[in-house]
Amino acid sequence: MPKGEDPEPVFPGFSVIVVYPGASPSDMEEQVVDPMEKRFNEFEDIDQIISDISDGIAIIRVEYEWGVDVDEKYQEVIREVSSLQRDLPQEIYRIDVLKISPTDVNIFQMAIISETASYAQLEEEAEKLTTELEKIRSLKNIDTWGFPDQQVRVELNLEKMAQMRIPTNAVMNVLQTENLNIPGGNVNVSTKKFNVKTSGNYKTLEEIENTVVYSGNGQVIYLKDIGTVRMDYQNENHLTRLNGHRAVFITVSQKAAQDIFAVNNEVQPIFDKFEAQLPKNMDFYKVFDQPTSVKNRLSRFAKDFAIAICLVLITLLPLGTRASLVVMISIPLSLSIGLTLLNLFGYTLNQLSIAGMIVALGILVDDSIVVVENIERYLRMGYPKRKAAIEATKQIGLAVLGCTATLVLAFLPLLYLPGNAGDFIRSLPMAVVSTVIASLAVSLTIVPFLSSRILSNHENPEGNFVFRAFKKGINASYAPLLKRALRYPWLTLVFATLIFVGSIMLIPSVGFSLFPASDRPMFLINVETPQGTNLYETNRVVRDVEKNSPKKS
């Protein structure tokens, strides 16, 4: 069964990202966003269109109604955006249409840290790791972040060019022409035909240096004669650090319906090998590791499961160890059947389905205990084991069925919750429903069968010594209290109402939420400097913020 941190619903929404360098927000709205919104509003099954406009960029989120064919609507958006490009400004740099998918969430984020290595060295090491990770078929997107793009910088000696009477435009035209692949037709040689094209696409700096920029009067002038060629970086527009140290990042996401633990088993050896071969002036650090988070959640589920088993042992002491054994067998069996049903319905084991399993643990124990206890009561009454199992189950079956039906009906609204929210949350109620139905089947079939084989006949109709002591304690404490409560019903109702009102008043102190808060202690700090502040002044301010941020203890 695939395991992951979150469910993988398919959201019927797409983001259209338009990059228009130099355009103001008002120009973006008038020339780009308004025509696009007008065209998108003509689509069928549109739920809402949300636009976010800033200098030089606009993000238009097109959301369809839940239940549409996502692939078909994606092609519809692609087709309309392509037809719209004729009417949009020619200066638009690029338009991207992206699907909204939970599988785009990264499961790993790694950092290569170094204060002395150049960006070229860091990029080279990051590319090595990326190349190895791309060989793993279960991975989806592998991206590198944090270093400026490289570019070839040509510095011309204007004095030499003036002496040789070579205009700057001539050099630019030659470089642009030589860096193109242009088909040159074909040549027939004997019985074969060969396609011809210009060489184009510079591969090394030497090729650029040896470009002929002028020839005449028996003289050939190369680019290296009038200038220098070197690799450089574009102007920095961002800086990346990890714990105050210069770093570049590698992020990895996985494909849909993949087991995150199986993916981790494939990836971890690559990380270990990569870290071992890193140069001494670099460090490898795993910033984010989703498999570890999923493992911790499953560990907590195992802990809750162990607590449930221990509670069963304590609860069933009055009935004996044989009855405890029957119930302990029924709980993992019910969970296994529930997980199997969940897998057959196409759901993964994630934080929501695990939460559903924990909710269902209580009813699993209740169903089995109720049936076993009633069978034990029939055995104390002198019934043979087989007949006691049949009669006791028949007597209590309707009550167990009603209890299960109540819980299933309580979760049906969540199960049929419409929209994207319902699609995301559906694995939780589905886990509860499938598990409690499995528990019902086990408690009415497997439990009676095991009881008829494992439980023993009772010589004392009062039960074992623990049961007798437990019954005596109830008669001495609870029974008198119950009699007094029934004797004064109105006073009992008033007292119960006061307790209920008092518990309601505790809500502001206790708090209320549909799901518990995330257990990751993370926060984001946005620092805004005055308009026109350059990158290095912003970096100085951010450094001050980093110094005053709380350190990990």
Protein backbone atom coordinates (compact mmCIF):
# COMPACT_ATOMS: atom_id res chain seq x y z
CA MET A 1 0.00 0.00 0.00
CA PRO A 2 1.54 3.36 -1.01
CA LYS A 3 2.54 5.56 1.92
CA GLY A 4 2.89 9.33 1.92
CA GLU A 5 2.42 12.40 4.07
CA ASP A 6 -0.65 13.84 2.33
CA PRO A 7 -3.46 12.54 0.10
CA GLU A 8 -3.06 12.96 -3.65
CA PRO A 9 -6.34 14.43 -4.92
CA VAL A 10 -6.59 15.88 -8.43
CA PHE A 11 -7.46 19.57 -8.20
CA PRO A 12 -9.36 20.95 -11.24
CA GLY A 13 -7.31 24.13 -11.31
CA PHE A 14 -4.50 25.63 -13.40
CA SER A 15 -2.13 28.57 -13.02
CA VAL A 16 -1.36 30.74 -16.05
CA ILE A 17 1.89 32.64 -15.44
CA VAL A 18 2.66 35.57 -17.78
CA VAL A 19 6.09 37.26 -17.70
CA TYR A 20 6.12 40.73 -19.32
CA PRO A 21 9.40 42.51 -18.43
CA GLY A 22 9.07 46.22 -17.73
CA ALA A 23 5.27 46.29 -17.64
CA SER A 24 3.57 48.09 -14.75
CA PRO A 25 0.67 46.42 -12.88
CA SER A 26 -1.84 48.67 -14.66
CA ASP A 27 -0.40 47.75 -18.09
CA MET A 28 -0.41 44.06 -17.13
CA GLU A 29 -4.06 44.28 -16.12
CA GLU A 30 -5.19 46.20 -19.22
CA GLN A 31 -3.13 44.45 -21.91
CA VAL A 32 -2.81 40.89 -20.54
CA VAL A 33 -5.05 39.96 -17.62
CA ASP A 34 -8.33 41.50 -18.82
CA PRO A 35 -8.25 39.76 -22.26
CA MET A 36 -7.35 36.45 -20.63
CA GLU A 37 -10.05 36.69 -17.95
CA LYS A 38 -12.62 37.58 -20.61
CA ARG A 39 -11.69 34.47 -22.62
CA PHE A 40 -11.53 32.18 -19.57
CA ASN A 41 -14.97 33.36 -18.38
CA GLU A 42 -16.42 31.90 -21.60
CA PHE A 43 -15.38 28.38 -20.52
CA GLU A 44 -17.97 25.96 -19.17
CA ASP A 45 -17.81 24.61 -15.59
CA ILE A 46 -15.72 27.56 -14.35
CA ASP A 47 -15.82 27.96 -10.56
CA GLN A 48 -13.68 31.05 -10.08
CA ILE A 49 -10.80 33.01 -11.63
CA ILE A 50 -8.26 34.64 -9.32
CA SER A 51 -5.60 37.02 -10.65
CA ASP A 52 -2.46 38.29 -8.90
CA ILE A 53 -0.69 41.14 -10.71
CA SER A 54 2.66 42.76 -9.95
CA ASP A 55 5.46 44.49 -11.88
CA GLY A 56 6.26 42.42 -14.96
CA ILE A 57 4.37 39.30 -13.92
CA ALA A 58 0.77 38.13 -13.62
CA ILE A 59 -0.53 34.85 -12.20
CA ILE A 60 -4.07 33.89 -13.20
CA ARG A 61 -5.53 30.90 -11.37
CA VAL A 62 -8.37 29.22 -13.28
CA GLU A 63 -10.43 26.88 -11.08
CA TYR A 64 -13.11 24.57 -12.46
CA GLU A 65 -16.01 22.96 -10.65
CA TRP A 66 -15.22 19.72 -8.87
CA GLY A 67 -15.72 16.52 -10.87
CA VAL A 68 -14.64 17.72 -14.33
CA ASP A 69 -12.13 15.89 -16.51
CA VAL A 70 -8.86 17.58 -15.45
CA ASP A 71 -6.85 16.52 -18.51
CA GLU A 72 -9.53 17.74 -20.90
CA LYS A 73 -9.77 21.12 -19.16
CA TYR A 74 -5.98 21.44 -19.13
CA GLN A 75 -5.90 21.03 -22.89
CA GLU A 76 -8.70 23.59 -23.16
CA VAL A 77 -6.68 26.18 -21.24
CA ILE A 78 -3.53 25.42 -23.29
CA ARG A 79 -5.48 25.79 -26.53
CA GLU A 80 -7.05 29.12 -25.58
CA VAL A 81 -3.80 30.58 -24.28
CA SER A 82 -2.08 29.66 -27.54
CA SER A 83 -4.81 31.33 -29.61
CA LEU A 84 -4.69 34.42 -27.38
CA GLN A 85 -0.96 35.01 -27.89
CA ARG A 86 -1.61 36.68 -31.27
CA ASP A 87 -3.58 39.44 -29.54
CA LEU A 88 -1.19 39.96 -26.63
CA PRO A 89 1.85 42.29 -26.63
CA GLN A 90 4.79 40.94 -28.61
CA GLU A 91 7.18 41.89 -25.79
CA ILE A 92 5.81 39.16 -23.50
CA TYR A 93 8.76 36.97 -22.53
CA ARG A 94 6.93 33.74 -21.72
CA ILE A 95 3.55 32.24 -20.79
CA ASP A 96 3.37 29.03 -18.73
CA VAL A 97 0.31 26.94 -17.88
CA LEU A 98 0.83 24.79 -14.77
CA LYS A 99 -1.35 22.09 -13.26
CA ILE A 100 -2.12 22.35 -9.55
CA SER A 101 -1.02 18.99 -8.16
CA PRO A 102 -0.17 17.77 -4.64
CA THR A 103 2.63 15.69 -6.15
CA ASP A 104 4.51 18.92 -6.88
CA VAL A 105 5.25 19.17 -3.15
CA ASN A 106 8.90 18.33 -2.54
CA ILE A 107 9.70 15.29 -0.42
CA PHE A 108 13.40 16.19 -0.10
CA GLN A 109 15.30 19.45 0.11
CA MET A 110 19.08 19.24 0.29
CA ALA A 111 21.70 21.96 0.58
CA ILE A 112 25.34 22.12 -0.46
CA ILE A 113 27.06 24.58 1.89
CA SER A 114 30.38 26.33 1.31
CA GLU A 115 31.81 29.76 2.06
CA THR A 116 34.88 29.33 -0.18
CA ALA A 117 33.72 27.37 -3.24
CA SER A 118 32.68 29.33 -6.31
CA TYR A 119 29.16 29.21 -7.69
CA ALA A 120 30.52 27.24 -10.65
CA GLN A 121 31.87 24.54 -8.31
CA LEU A 122 28.64 24.42 -6.31
CA GLU A 123 26.62 24.19 -9.50
CA GLU A 124 28.84 21.40 -10.81
CA GLU A 125 28.32 19.33 -7.64
CA ALA A 126 24.57 20.02 -7.67
CA GLU A 127 24.39 18.85 -11.30
CA LYS A 128 26.22 15.63 -10.38
CA LEU A 129 23.58 14.87 -7.73
CA THR A 130 20.77 15.83 -10.09
CA THR A 131 22.10 13.49 -12.80
CA GLU A 132 22.11 10.54 -10.40
CA LEU A 133 18.63 11.31 -9.04
CA GLU A 134 17.18 11.58 -12.53
CA LYS A 135 17.91 7.87 -13.04
CA ILE A 136 15.28 6.97 -10.42
CA ARG A 137 11.94 6.46 -12.19
CA SER A 138 9.77 7.11 -9.12
CA LEU A 139 10.98 10.73 -8.87
CA LYS A 140 9.19 13.55 -10.68
CA ASN A 141 10.84 16.99 -10.50
CA ILE A 142 14.48 17.55 -9.54
CA ASP A 143 15.45 21.22 -9.43
CA THR A 144 18.46 23.24 -8.31
CA TRP A 145 18.19 26.67 -6.71
CA GLY A 146 20.30 29.42 -5.27
CA PHE A 147 23.03 30.22 -7.80
CA PRO A 148 22.90 32.89 -10.53
CA ASP A 149 22.75 31.78 -14.15
CA GLN A 150 26.05 31.65 -15.99
CA GLN A 151 26.63 33.70 -19.11
CA VAL A 152 29.46 34.29 -21.56
CA ARG A 153 30.88 37.80 -21.20
CA VAL A 154 32.71 39.35 -24.18
CA GLU A 155 34.83 42.42 -23.37
CA LEU A 156 35.93 44.30 -26.48
CA ASN A 157 39.03 46.52 -26.79
CA LEU A 158 37.51 49.60 -28.34
CA GLU A 159 40.91 51.18 -29.13
CA LYS A 160 42.01 48.19 -31.22
CA MET A 161 38.62 48.08 -32.94
CA ALA A 162 38.92 51.78 -33.82
CA GLN A 163 42.40 51.25 -35.25
CA MET A 164 41.17 48.31 -37.33
CA ARG A 165 37.97 50.15 -38.27
CA ILE A 166 35.70 47.33 -37.01
CA PRO A 167 32.29 48.57 -35.81
CA THR A 168 30.74 47.08 -32.67
CA ASN A 169 27.55 46.15 -34.52
CA ALA A 170 29.56 44.01 -36.94
CA VAL A 171 30.97 41.93 -34.05
CA MET A 172 27.50 41.50 -32.53
CA ASN A 173 26.02 40.40 -35.85
CA VAL A 174 28.78 37.87 -36.44
CA LEU A 175 28.35 36.31 -32.97
CA GLN A 176 24.59 36.08 -33.38
CA THR A 177 24.90 34.55 -36.84
CA GLU A 178 27.55 32.01 -35.89
CA ASN A 179 25.47 30.78 -32.92
CA LEU A 180 22.54 29.58 -35.07
CA ASN A 181 21.69 26.18 -36.57
CA ILE A 182 20.38 26.90 -40.07
CA PRO A 183 19.40 24.06 -42.45
CA GLY A 184 21.46 24.23 -45.65
CA GLY A 185 19.53 21.79 -47.84
CA ASN A 186 21.03 18.45 -48.96
CA VAL A 187 23.75 17.06 -51.18
CA ASN A 188 23.45 13.93 -53.37
CA VAL A 189 26.62 11.83 -53.43
CA SER A 190 26.42 8.68 -55.54
CA THR A 191 23.47 6.70 -54.12
CA LYS A 192 23.26 8.61 -50.82
CA LYS A 193 21.77 11.92 -49.71
CA PHE A 194 23.32 14.02 -46.92
CA ASN A 195 21.58 16.83 -45.05
CA VAL A 196 23.62 20.00 -44.62
CA LYS A 197 23.33 22.64 -41.89
CA THR A 198 25.57 25.29 -40.37
CA SER A 199 27.63 24.20 -37.38
CA GLY A 200 26.12 26.79 -34.98
CA ASN A 201 25.76 26.56 -31.20
CA TYR A 202 29.09 27.37 -29.57
CA LYS A 203 30.28 24.58 -27.28
CA THR A 204 33.46 26.04 -25.76
CA LEU A 205 34.96 29.43 -25.04
CA GLU A 206 37.75 28.64 -27.52
CA GLU A 207 35.22 28.38 -30.34
CA ILE A 208 33.89 31.83 -29.48
CA GLU A 209 37.43 33.29 -29.27
CA ASN A 210 38.28 31.85 -32.72
CA THR A 211 35.22 33.41 -34.38
CA VAL A 212 36.26 35.42 -37.46
CA VAL A 213 34.96 38.96 -37.06
CA TYR A 214 36.69 40.50 -40.08
CA SER A 215 38.59 39.32 -43.14
CA GLY A 216 39.99 41.33 -46.00
CA ASN A 217 43.20 42.45 -47.67
CA GLY A 218 44.74 39.10 -46.78
CA GLN A 219 44.10 39.65 -43.10
CA VAL A 220 41.89 37.55 -40.81
CA ILE A 221 40.90 39.04 -37.44
CA TYR A 222 39.55 36.78 -34.71
CA LEU A 223 37.47 37.84 -31.73
CA LYS A 224 40.38 37.05 -29.39
CA ASP A 225 42.44 39.67 -31.25
CA ILE A 226 40.14 42.50 -30.25
CA GLY A 227 38.74 41.33 -26.91
CA THR A 228 38.55 38.71 -24.17
CA VAL A 229 35.95 36.00 -23.61
CA ARG A 230 35.21 34.56 -20.16
CA MET A 231 32.46 32.85 -18.20
CA ASP A 232 30.67 35.06 -15.71
CA TYR A 233 27.40 35.24 -13.79
CA GLN A 234 24.38 37.38 -14.35
CA ASN A 235 23.82 40.16 -11.86
CA GLU A 236 22.75 38.67 -8.54
CA ASN A 237 19.10 39.29 -7.71
CA HIS A 238 18.90 36.90 -4.76
CA LEU A 239 21.09 35.31 -2.07
CA THR A 240 20.53 31.92 -0.45
CA ARG A 241 21.83 30.82 2.93
CA LEU A 242 21.29 27.96 5.33
CA ASN A 243 21.90 28.65 9.01
CA GLY A 244 23.80 31.76 8.00
CA HIS A 245 26.08 29.97 5.50
CA ARG A 246 26.12 30.38 1.71
CA ALA A 247 24.33 27.46 0.09
CA VAL A 248 22.63 26.11 -3.02
CA PHE A 249 19.59 23.86 -2.81
CA ILE A 250 18.33 20.74 -4.58
CA THR A 251 14.62 19.85 -4.30
CA VAL A 252 13.01 16.54 -5.23
CA SER A 253 9.36 15.51 -5.65
CA GLN A 254 7.95 12.07 -6.37
CA LYS A 255 5.42 10.78 -8.88
CA ALA A 256 1.84 10.00 -7.91
CA ALA A 257 0.90 6.72 -6.14
CA GLN A 258 4.47 5.98 -5.05
CA ASP A 259 5.43 4.50 -1.68
CA ILE A 260 7.53 7.19 -0.02
CA PHE A 261 9.56 4.59 1.91
CA ALA A 262 10.43 2.69 -1.28
CA VAL A 263 11.49 6.00 -2.86
CA ASN A 264 13.62 6.79 0.19
CA ASN A 265 15.34 3.39 -0.04
CA GLU A 266 16.35 4.19 -3.63
CA VAL A 267 17.45 7.76 -2.94
CA GLN A 268 19.33 7.37 0.35
CA PRO A 269 22.31 5.40 -1.09
CA ILE A 270 22.77 8.19 -3.67
CA PHE A 271 22.81 10.81 -0.92
CA ASP A 272 25.35 8.81 1.11
CA LYS A 273 27.64 8.29 -1.89
CA PHE A 274 27.37 11.94 -2.91
CA GLU A 275 28.18 13.20 0.58
CA ALA A 276 31.22 10.92 0.77
CA GLN A 277 32.76 12.26 -2.46
CA LEU A 278 32.13 15.97 -1.82
CA PRO A 279 35.23 18.22 -1.73
CA LYS A 280 36.49 19.10 1.74
CA ASN A 281 35.42 22.74 1.42
CA MET A 282 31.75 21.72 0.95
CA ASP A 283 29.16 20.21 3.29
CA PHE A 284 25.99 18.32 2.43
CA TYR A 285 22.92 18.93 4.59
CA LYS A 286 19.42 17.51 4.40
CA VAL A 287 17.06 20.42 5.09
CA PHE A 288 13.76 18.64 4.67
CA ASP A 289 13.07 14.91 4.73
CA GLN A 290 9.41 13.92 4.29
CA PRO A 291 9.97 10.13 4.68
CA THR A 292 11.20 10.76 8.23
CA SER A 293 8.05 12.77 8.96
CA VAL A 294 5.83 9.98 7.63
CA LYS A 295 7.81 7.42 9.63
CA ASN A 296 7.25 9.44 12.82
CA ARG A 297 3.51 9.58 12.17
CA LEU A 298 3.37 5.82 11.64
CA SER A 299 5.39 5.33 14.83
CA ARG A 300 2.82 7.36 16.75
CA PHE A 301 0.09 5.21 15.25
CA ALA A 302 1.97 2.09 16.37
CA LYS A 303 2.27 3.63 19.84
CA ASP A 304 -1.48 4.27 19.98
CA PHE A 305 -2.07 0.73 18.79
CA ALA A 306 0.15 -0.62 21.59
CA ILE A 307 -1.73 1.50 24.15
CA ALA A 308 -5.03 0.07 22.86
CA ILE A 309 -3.72 -3.47 23.32
CA CYS A 310 -2.58 -2.65 26.88
CA LEU A 311 -5.98 -1.18 27.69
CA VAL A 312 -7.61 -4.35 26.38
CA LEU A 313 -5.47 -6.40 28.74
CA ILE A 314 -6.47 -4.23 31.70
CA THR A 315 -10.14 -4.13 30.72
CA LEU A 316 -10.41 -7.87 30.21
CA LEU A 317 -8.70 -8.96 33.42
CA PRO A 318 -12.09 -9.78 34.96
CA LEU A 319 -12.88 -12.03 31.98
CA GLY A 320 -9.52 -13.84 31.96
CA THR A 321 -6.51 -14.17 29.71
CA ARG A 322 -8.31 -16.29 27.11
CA ALA A 323 -10.87 -13.54 26.45
CA SER A 324 -8.03 -11.00 26.23
CA LEU A 325 -6.34 -13.18 23.62
CA VAL A 326 -9.50 -13.29 21.48
CA VAL A 327 -9.82 -9.48 21.54
CA MET A 328 -6.11 -8.94 20.83
CA ILE A 329 -6.42 -11.14 17.75
CA SER A 330 -9.51 -9.30 16.50
CA ILE A 331 -7.98 -5.78 16.66
CA PRO A 332 -5.03 -6.24 14.23
CA LEU A 333 -7.25 -8.42 12.04
CA SER A 334 -9.84 -5.64 11.76
CA LEU A 335 -7.13 -3.07 11.02
CA SER A 336 -5.62 -5.30 8.33
CA ILE A 337 -8.99 -5.76 6.62
CA GLY A 338 -9.64 -2.01 6.85
CA LEU A 339 -6.26 -1.18 5.27
CA THR A 340 -6.89 -3.73 2.52
CA LEU A 341 -10.26 -2.15 1.70
CA LEU A 342 -8.65 1.30 1.74
CA ASN A 343 -6.00 0.12 -0.72
CA LEU A 344 -8.60 -1.49 -2.99
CA PHE A 345 -10.50 1.81 -3.13
CA GLY A 346 -7.33 3.56 -4.31
CA TYR A 347 -6.36 5.46 -1.14
CA THR A 348 -2.86 5.81 0.28
CA LEU A 349 -1.65 5.54 3.86
CA ASN A 350 -1.17 9.21 4.80
CA GLN A 351 -1.60 11.48 7.80
CA LEU A 352 -5.37 11.71 7.29
CA SER A 353 -5.98 7.98 6.85
CA ILE A 354 -3.76 7.32 9.89
CA ALA A 355 -5.89 9.78 11.89
CA GLY A 356 -8.95 7.82 10.74
CA MET A 357 -7.39 4.58 11.91
CA ILE A 358 -6.71 6.08 15.34
CA VAL A 359 -10.34 7.24 15.57
CA ALA A 360 -11.50 3.74 14.61
CA LEU A 361 -9.32 2.01 17.24
CA GLY A 362 -11.88 2.76 19.96
CA ILE A 363 -14.79 1.12 18.17
CA LEU A 364 -12.60 -1.88 17.25
CA VAL A 365 -12.02 -2.56 20.95
CA ASP A 366 -15.67 -1.90 21.86
CA ASP A 367 -17.17 -4.32 19.31
CA SER A 368 -14.94 -7.22 20.26
CA ILE A 369 -15.16 -6.64 24.02
CA VAL A 370 -18.96 -6.45 23.97
CA VAL A 371 -19.28 -9.73 22.05
CA VAL A 372 -16.65 -11.58 24.12
CA GLU A 373 -18.12 -10.35 27.41
CA ASN A 374 -21.60 -11.55 26.44
CA ILE A 375 -20.22 -14.95 25.41
CA GLU A 376 -18.46 -15.15 28.79
CA ARG A 377 -21.76 -14.36 30.50
CA TYR A 378 -23.44 -17.26 28.70
CA LEU A 379 -20.58 -19.54 29.68
CA ARG A 380 -21.02 -18.57 33.34
CA MET A 381 -24.70 -19.42 32.93
CA GLY A 382 -23.65 -22.99 32.04
CA TYR A 383 -24.03 -22.96 28.24
CA PRO A 384 -21.67 -25.12 26.16
CA LYS A 385 -18.99 -23.10 24.35
CA ARG A 386 -20.43 -23.43 20.86
CA LYS A 387 -24.00 -22.66 21.90
CA ALA A 388 -22.84 -19.81 24.12
CA ALA A 389 -20.99 -18.22 21.17
CA ILE A 390 -24.05 -18.52 18.89
CA GLU A 391 -26.68 -17.35 21.37
CA ALA A 392 -24.60 -14.51 22.84
CA THR A 393 -23.69 -13.16 19.41
CA LYS A 394 -27.29 -13.41 18.26
CA GLN A 395 -28.45 -11.47 21.32
CA ILE A 396 -25.86 -8.70 21.08
CA GLY A 397 -25.58 -8.56 17.26
CA LEU A 398 -28.25 -5.91 16.75
CA ALA A 399 -26.65 -3.62 19.34
CA VAL A 400 -23.22 -3.97 17.73
CA LEU A 401 -24.74 -3.32 14.30
CA GLY A 402 -26.49 -0.20 15.60
CA CYS A 403 -23.28 1.11 17.19
CA THR A 404 -21.37 0.62 13.93
CA ALA A 405 -24.14 2.17 11.85
CA THR A 406 -24.17 5.23 14.13
CA LEU A 407 -20.44 5.79 13.63
CA VAL A 408 -20.66 5.24 9.86
CA LEU A 409 -23.56 7.71 9.58
CA ALA A 410 -21.60 10.25 11.64
CA PHE A 411 -18.77 10.19 9.08
CA LEU A 412 -20.94 10.09 5.94
CA PRO A 413 -21.14 13.92 5.66
CA LEU A 414 -17.32 14.03 5.52
CA LEU A 415 -17.26 11.11 3.10
CA TYR A 416 -19.55 12.92 0.65
CA LEU A 417 -18.18 16.42 1.24
CA PRO A 418 -18.09 18.02 -2.25
CA GLY A 419 -15.38 20.10 -3.82
CA ASN A 420 -11.63 20.13 -3.48
CA ALA A 421 -11.76 20.10 0.32
CA GLY A 422 -13.84 16.92 0.26
CA ASP A 423 -11.49 15.28 -2.21
CA PHE A 424 -8.53 16.09 0.03
CA ILE A 425 -10.09 14.97 3.33
CA ARG A 426 -11.91 11.88 2.03
CA SER A 427 -9.23 9.38 3.09
CA LEU A 428 -9.98 10.11 6.78
CA PRO A 429 -13.69 9.15 6.84
CA MET A 430 -12.98 6.35 4.37
CA ALA A 431 -10.40 4.90 6.79
CA VAL A 432 -12.91 5.09 9.67
CA VAL A 433 -15.79 3.58 7.69
CA SER A 434 -13.78 0.74 6.14
CA THR A 435 -12.17 -0.15 9.48
CA VAL A 436 -15.36 -0.14 11.58
CA ILE A 437 -17.19 -2.20 8.94
CA ALA A 438 -14.30 -4.66 9.08
CA SER A 439 -14.58 -4.61 12.88
CA LEU A 440 -18.31 -5.37 12.65
CA ALA A 441 -17.66 -8.35 10.39
CA VAL A 442 -14.87 -9.65 12.63
CA SER A 443 -16.84 -9.21 15.88
CA LEU A 444 -19.87 -11.09 14.48
CA THR A 445 -17.94 -13.91 12.77
CA ILE A 446 -14.29 -14.39 13.78
CA VAL A 447 -14.73 -13.46 17.44
CA PRO A 448 -17.54 -15.98 18.09
CA PHE A 449 -15.57 -18.67 16.28
CA LEU A 450 -12.39 -18.00 18.28
CA SER A 451 -14.42 -17.79 21.49
CA SER A 452 -15.95 -21.23 20.85
CA ARG A 453 -12.42 -22.62 20.47
CA ILE A 454 -10.34 -20.65 22.96
CA LEU A 455 -12.63 -19.74 25.88
CA SER A 456 -13.09 -22.26 28.67
CA ASN A 457 -16.19 -23.30 30.63
CA HIS A 458 -16.59 -21.64 34.04
CA GLU A 459 -16.94 -23.76 37.15
CA ASN A 460 -18.00 -20.74 39.23
CA PRO A 461 -21.04 -18.86 37.85
CA GLU A 462 -19.74 -15.70 39.57
CA GLY A 463 -16.61 -15.69 37.39
CA ASN A 464 -12.93 -15.55 38.42
CA PHE A 465 -11.64 -13.78 41.51
CA VAL A 466 -10.86 -10.55 39.60
CA PHE A 467 -14.41 -10.40 38.26
CA ARG A 468 -15.86 -11.05 41.71
CA ALA A 469 -13.67 -8.32 43.26
CA PHE A 470 -14.60 -5.91 40.47
CA LYS A 471 -18.30 -6.65 40.92
CA LYS A 472 -18.02 -6.21 44.66
CA GLY A 473 -16.35 -2.82 44.20
CA ILE A 474 -19.11 -1.66 41.86
CA ASN A 475 -21.82 -2.77 44.28
CA ALA A 476 -20.10 -0.91 47.11
CA SER A 477 -19.53 2.39 45.26
CA TYR A 478 -21.39 2.83 41.99
CA ALA A 479 -24.61 1.00 42.88
CA PRO A 480 -25.53 3.24 45.89
CA LEU A 481 -24.72 6.35 43.85
CA LEU A 482 -26.93 5.14 41.01
CA LYS A 483 -29.82 4.45 43.39
CA ARG A 484 -29.60 7.98 44.83
CA ALA A 485 -29.50 9.48 41.33
CA LEU A 486 -32.64 7.58 40.33
CA ARG A 487 -34.33 8.59 43.57
CA TYR A 488 -33.82 12.31 42.82
CA PRO A 489 -34.05 12.55 39.01
CA TRP A 490 -34.51 16.34 38.78
CA LEU A 491 -31.53 17.02 41.00
CA THR A 492 -29.48 14.59 38.91
CA LEU A 493 -30.47 16.37 35.69
CA VAL A 494 -29.58 19.78 37.14
CA PHE A 495 -26.19 18.49 38.30
CA ALA A 496 -25.51 16.92 34.87
CA THR A 497 -26.53 20.18 33.15
CA LEU A 498 -24.10 22.17 35.31
CA ILE A 499 -21.30 19.79 34.40
CA PHE A 500 -22.18 20.11 30.71
CA VAL A 501 -22.30 23.93 30.84
CA GLY A 502 -19.01 23.98 32.74
CA SER A 503 -17.36 21.84 30.08
CA ILE A 504 -18.66 24.16 27.33
CA MET A 505 -17.12 27.14 29.16
CA LEU A 506 -13.71 25.46 28.93
CA ILE A 507 -13.68 25.70 25.11
CA PRO A 508 -11.96 29.15 25.03
CA SER A 509 -9.16 27.74 27.16
CA VAL A 510 -8.88 24.36 25.46
CA GLY A 511 -9.43 25.62 21.91
CA PHE A 512 -11.20 23.98 18.97
CA SER A 513 -10.01 22.77 15.58
CA LEU A 514 -11.07 20.18 13.05
CA PHE A 515 -7.49 18.88 12.90
CA PRO A 516 -4.62 19.39 15.34
CA ALA A 517 -2.01 22.01 14.45
CA SER A 518 1.01 20.87 12.47
CA ASP A 519 3.77 19.54 14.67
CA ARG A 520 6.48 21.31 12.66
CA PRO A 521 7.77 24.40 14.48
CA MET A 522 8.21 26.60 11.39
CA PHE A 523 7.58 30.27 10.72
CA LEU A 524 8.25 32.72 7.90
CA ILE A 525 9.66 36.25 8.29
CA ASN A 526 9.10 38.77 5.48
CA VAL A 527 11.47 41.75 5.50
CA GLU A 528 10.46 44.74 3.36
CA THR A 529 13.03 47.48 2.77
CA PRO A 530 12.30 50.91 1.22
CA GLN A 531 11.72 50.95 -2.53
CA GLY A 532 14.98 51.21 -4.44
CA THR A 533 17.10 49.47 -1.79
CA ASN A 534 19.76 47.34 -3.46
CA LEU A 535 20.43 43.68 -2.77
CA TYR A 536 23.46 44.22 -0.55
CA GLU A 537 21.71 46.64 1.82
CA THR A 538 18.78 44.20 2.03
CA ASN A 539 21.28 41.45 2.80
CA ARG A 540 22.72 43.52 5.67
CA VAL A 541 19.23 43.95 7.17
CA VAL A 542 18.46 40.24 6.82
CA ARG A 543 21.77 39.39 8.50
CA ASP A 544 20.65 41.45 11.52
CA VAL A 545 17.35 39.54 11.58
CA GLU A 546 19.21 36.21 11.43
CA LYS A 547 21.41 37.20 14.38
CA ASN A 548 18.37 38.00 16.52
CA SER A 549 16.34 34.94 15.49
CA PRO A 550 15.93 32.17 18.09
CA LYS A 551 18.59 29.50 17.78
CA LYS A 552 17.91 25.78 17.85
CA SER A 553 18.51 24.41 21.33
